[in-house]
């Protein structure tokens, strides 16, 4: 019975990791894109002013 409980916990942790890890990666990419998007817009504005 204890082995079955251990396998169930391990399966739950594995499934949780398979869901959580990609979501964390996607959230990090989203934040990175938002941060770089703002800096790209600032550099475009500076380029237009210089021309």
C-alpha atoms as a PDB file:
ATOM      1  CA  UNK A   1       0.000   0.000   0.000  1.00  0.00           C
ATOM      2  CA  UNK A   2       2.867   2.350   0.841  1.00  0.00           C
ATOM      3  CA  UNK A   3       4.503   1.665  -2.536  1.00  0.00           C
ATOM      4  CA  UNK A   4       1.270   2.490  -4.355  1.00  0.00           C
ATOM      5  CA  UNK A   5       1.010   5.777  -2.467  1.00  0.00           C
ATOM      6  CA  UNK A   6       4.636   6.594  -3.344  1.00  0.00           C
ATOM      7  CA  UNK A   7       4.023   5.883  -7.034  1.00  0.00           C
ATOM      8  CA  UNK A   8       0.881   8.042  -6.982  1.00  0.00           C
ATOM      9  CA  UNK A   9       2.761  10.948  -5.385  1.00  0.00           C
ATOM     10  CA  UNK A  10       5.626  10.585  -7.874  1.00  0.00           C
ATOM     11  CA  UNK A  11       3.151  10.541 -10.769  1.00  0.00           C
ATOM     12  CA  UNK A  12       1.398  13.622  -9.435  1.00  0.00           C
ATOM     13  CA  UNK A  13       4.673  15.500  -9.034  1.00  0.00           C
ATOM     14  CA  UNK A  14       5.757  14.520 -12.552  1.00  0.00           C
ATOM     15  CA  UNK A  15       2.470  15.632 -14.107  1.00  0.00           C
ATOM     16  CA  UNK A  16       2.605  18.865 -12.133  1.00  0.00           C
ATOM     17  CA  UNK A  17       6.136  19.535 -13.358  1.00  0.00           C
ATOM     18  CA  UNK A  18       5.118  18.833 -16.952  1.00  0.00           C
ATOM     19  CA  UNK A  19       2.437  21.505 -16.653  1.00  0.00           C
ATOM     20  CA  UNK A  20       4.231  24.088 -14.489  1.00  0.00           C
ATOM     21  CA  UNK A  21       7.658  24.173 -16.178  1.00  0.00           C
ATOM     22  CA  UNK A  22       6.397  25.092 -19.688  1.00  0.00           C
ATOM     23  CA  UNK A  23       4.089  27.727 -18.187  1.00  0.00           C
ATOM     24  CA  UNK A  24       7.013  29.287 -16.323  1.00  0.00           C
ATOM     25  CA  UNK A  25       9.091  29.288 -19.522  1.00  0.00           C
ATOM     26  CA  UNK A  26       6.254  30.907 -21.491  1.00  0.00           C
ATOM     27  CA  UNK A  27       5.740  33.532 -18.797  1.00  0.00           C
ATOM     28  CA  UNK A  28       9.456  34.329 -18.838  1.00  0.00           C
ATOM     29  CA  UNK A  29       9.443  34.680 -22.618  1.00  0.00           C
ATOM     30  CA  UNK A  30       6.386  36.925 -22.462  1.00  0.00           C
ATOM     31  CA  UNK A  31       8.048  39.216 -19.913  1.00  0.00           C
ATOM     32  CA  UNK A  32      11.272  39.260 -21.948  1.00  0.00           C
ATOM     33  CA  UNK A  33       9.365  40.168 -25.116  1.00  0.00           C
ATOM     34  CA  UNK A  34       7.514  42.971 -23.340  1.00  0.00           C
ATOM     35  CA  UNK A  35      10.754  44.389 -21.938  1.00  0.00           C
ATOM     36  CA  UNK A  36      12.591  44.236 -25.263  1.00  0.00           C
ATOM     37  CA  UNK A  37       9.560  45.601 -27.129  1.00  0.00           C
ATOM     38  CA  UNK A  38       9.663  48.782 -25.054  1.00  0.00           C
ATOM     39  CA  UNK A  39      13.380  49.269 -25.640  1.00  0.00           C
ATOM     40  CA  UNK A  40      12.928  48.641 -29.381  1.00  0.00           C
ATOM     41  CA  UNK A  41      10.267  51.347 -29.562  1.00  0.00           C
ATOM     42  CA  UNK A  42      12.544  53.790 -27.739  1.00  0.00           C
ATOM     43  CA  UNK A  43      15.399  53.153 -30.162  1.00  0.00           C
ATOM     44  CA  UNK A  44      13.038  53.623 -33.131  1.00  0.00           C
ATOM     45  CA  UNK A  45      11.916  56.973 -31.734  1.00  0.00           C
ATOM     46  CA  UNK A  46      15.534  58.028 -31.269  1.00  0.00           C
ATOM     47  CA  UNK A  47      16.376  56.977 -34.824  1.00  0.00           C
ATOM     48  CA  UNK A  48      13.490  58.981 -36.258  1.00  0.00           C
ATOM     49  CA  UNK A  49      14.473  62.083 -34.311  1.00  0.00           C
ATOM     50  CA  UNK A  50      18.062  61.827 -35.518  1.00  0.00           C
ATOM     51  CA  UNK A  51      17.077  61.577 -39.193  1.00  0.00           C
END
